[in-house]
């Protein structure tokens, strides 16, 4: 019996930033990172700066540099809005937060 299609995609390991060449690949990476960051409290929001820091720690480059490879003019919040599996929230104080959808 084959696992559900979304389970197969979730198990794909992207270990190098050079493998992130599409919006879909980046979204999978970000979902995995957010899942790890919110493991203790699923559904909670994380500052996008924390998401970016964790991406940089894991892949050795700024998240914006990786995004510009396939979306040259996109800023991080604009890119995150395009990801159907993520929710974006801007606090009254100004910082952006993201969570899993």
Protein backbone atom coordinates (compact mmCIF):
# COMPACT_ATOMS: atom_id res chain seq x y z
CA UNK A 1 0.00 0.00 0.00
CA UNK A 2 1.35 3.43 -0.95
CA UNK A 3 1.38 6.31 1.54
CA UNK A 4 -0.87 9.29 0.75
CA UNK A 5 0.62 11.67 -1.81
CA UNK A 6 1.04 14.55 0.65
CA UNK A 7 2.96 12.26 3.01
CA UNK A 8 5.41 11.37 0.24
CA UNK A 9 6.04 15.05 -0.49
CA UNK A 10 6.51 15.82 3.19
CA UNK A 11 9.21 13.17 3.44
CA UNK A 12 11.31 14.65 0.64
CA UNK A 13 14.52 15.91 2.18
CA UNK A 14 15.99 19.12 0.88
CA UNK A 15 19.39 19.40 2.50
CA UNK A 16 21.08 22.10 0.44
CA UNK A 17 19.88 25.61 -0.41
CA UNK A 18 20.80 25.02 -4.07
CA UNK A 19 18.01 22.40 -4.22
CA UNK A 20 15.41 25.09 -3.47
CA UNK A 21 14.59 26.19 -7.00
CA UNK A 22 10.82 26.75 -6.85
CA UNK A 23 8.12 28.25 -4.68
CA UNK A 24 6.83 24.73 -3.94
CA UNK A 25 10.24 23.50 -2.73
CA UNK A 26 10.68 26.59 -0.54
CA UNK A 27 7.21 26.16 0.91
CA UNK A 28 7.98 22.53 1.84
CA UNK A 29 11.19 23.63 3.57
CA UNK A 30 9.40 26.39 5.47
CA UNK A 31 6.59 24.06 6.56
CA UNK A 32 9.17 21.66 7.95
CA UNK A 33 11.02 24.44 9.77
CA UNK A 34 7.79 25.85 11.20
CA UNK A 35 6.67 22.39 12.27
CA UNK A 36 9.89 22.06 14.25
CA UNK A 37 9.66 25.58 15.70
CA UNK A 38 6.06 25.05 16.84
CA UNK A 39 6.38 21.41 17.93
CA UNK A 40 5.72 22.32 21.57
CA UNK A 41 2.68 24.46 20.73
CA UNK A 42 1.15 23.56 17.36
CA UNK A 43 -0.79 26.37 15.70
CA UNK A 44 1.22 29.11 17.37
CA UNK A 45 2.71 32.01 15.46
CA UNK A 46 6.46 32.50 15.06
CA UNK A 47 8.15 35.82 14.21
CA UNK A 48 9.31 35.68 10.60
CA UNK A 49 12.73 36.79 11.85
CA UNK A 50 12.94 33.46 13.76
CA UNK A 51 11.93 31.59 10.62
CA UNK A 52 14.63 33.39 8.66
CA UNK A 53 17.26 32.75 11.34
CA UNK A 54 16.45 29.04 11.45
CA UNK A 55 16.57 28.83 7.64
CA UNK A 56 19.98 30.53 7.67
CA UNK A 57 21.23 28.15 10.39
CA UNK A 58 20.08 25.07 8.47
CA UNK A 59 20.96 26.10 4.91
CA UNK A 60 23.83 28.56 5.41
CA UNK A 61 22.31 31.47 3.54
CA UNK A 62 19.71 34.18 4.12
CA UNK A 63 16.16 33.13 3.30
CA UNK A 64 15.72 36.20 1.07
CA UNK A 65 18.69 35.15 -1.06
CA UNK A 66 17.12 31.72 -1.60
CA UNK A 67 13.74 33.24 -2.51
CA UNK A 68 15.30 35.62 -5.04
CA UNK A 69 16.55 32.62 -7.00
CA UNK A 70 13.02 32.01 -8.30
CA UNK A 71 11.10 35.19 -7.28
CA UNK A 72 13.54 38.08 -7.93
CA UNK A 73 11.35 40.93 -6.71
CA UNK A 74 9.62 39.31 -3.74
CA UNK A 75 10.10 40.35 -0.13
CA UNK A 76 9.73 37.65 2.53
CA UNK A 77 6.22 38.66 3.76
CA UNK A 78 4.96 38.86 0.16
CA UNK A 79 6.39 35.43 -0.58
CA UNK A 80 4.87 33.92 2.58
CA UNK A 81 1.44 35.25 1.51
CA UNK A 82 1.72 33.08 -1.62
CA UNK A 83 2.24 29.89 0.40
CA UNK A 84 -1.10 28.13 0.88
CA UNK A 85 0.13 26.09 3.86
CA UNK A 86 1.22 29.18 5.82
CA UNK A 87 -0.69 31.98 7.56
CA UNK A 88 0.81 35.44 7.87
CA UNK A 89 -0.07 37.94 10.61
CA UNK A 90 1.16 41.48 11.20
CA UNK A 91 1.04 42.65 14.79
CA UNK A 92 -0.04 46.17 15.73
CA UNK A 93 3.55 46.88 16.78
CA UNK A 94 4.76 46.07 13.26
CA UNK A 95 6.54 42.70 13.27
CA UNK A 96 5.30 39.91 11.00
CA UNK A 97 4.43 36.47 12.34
CA UNK A 98 3.79 33.19 10.52
CA UNK A 99 2.13 29.89 11.40
CA UNK A 100 1.06 26.70 9.71
CA UNK A 101 -2.31 26.88 8.01
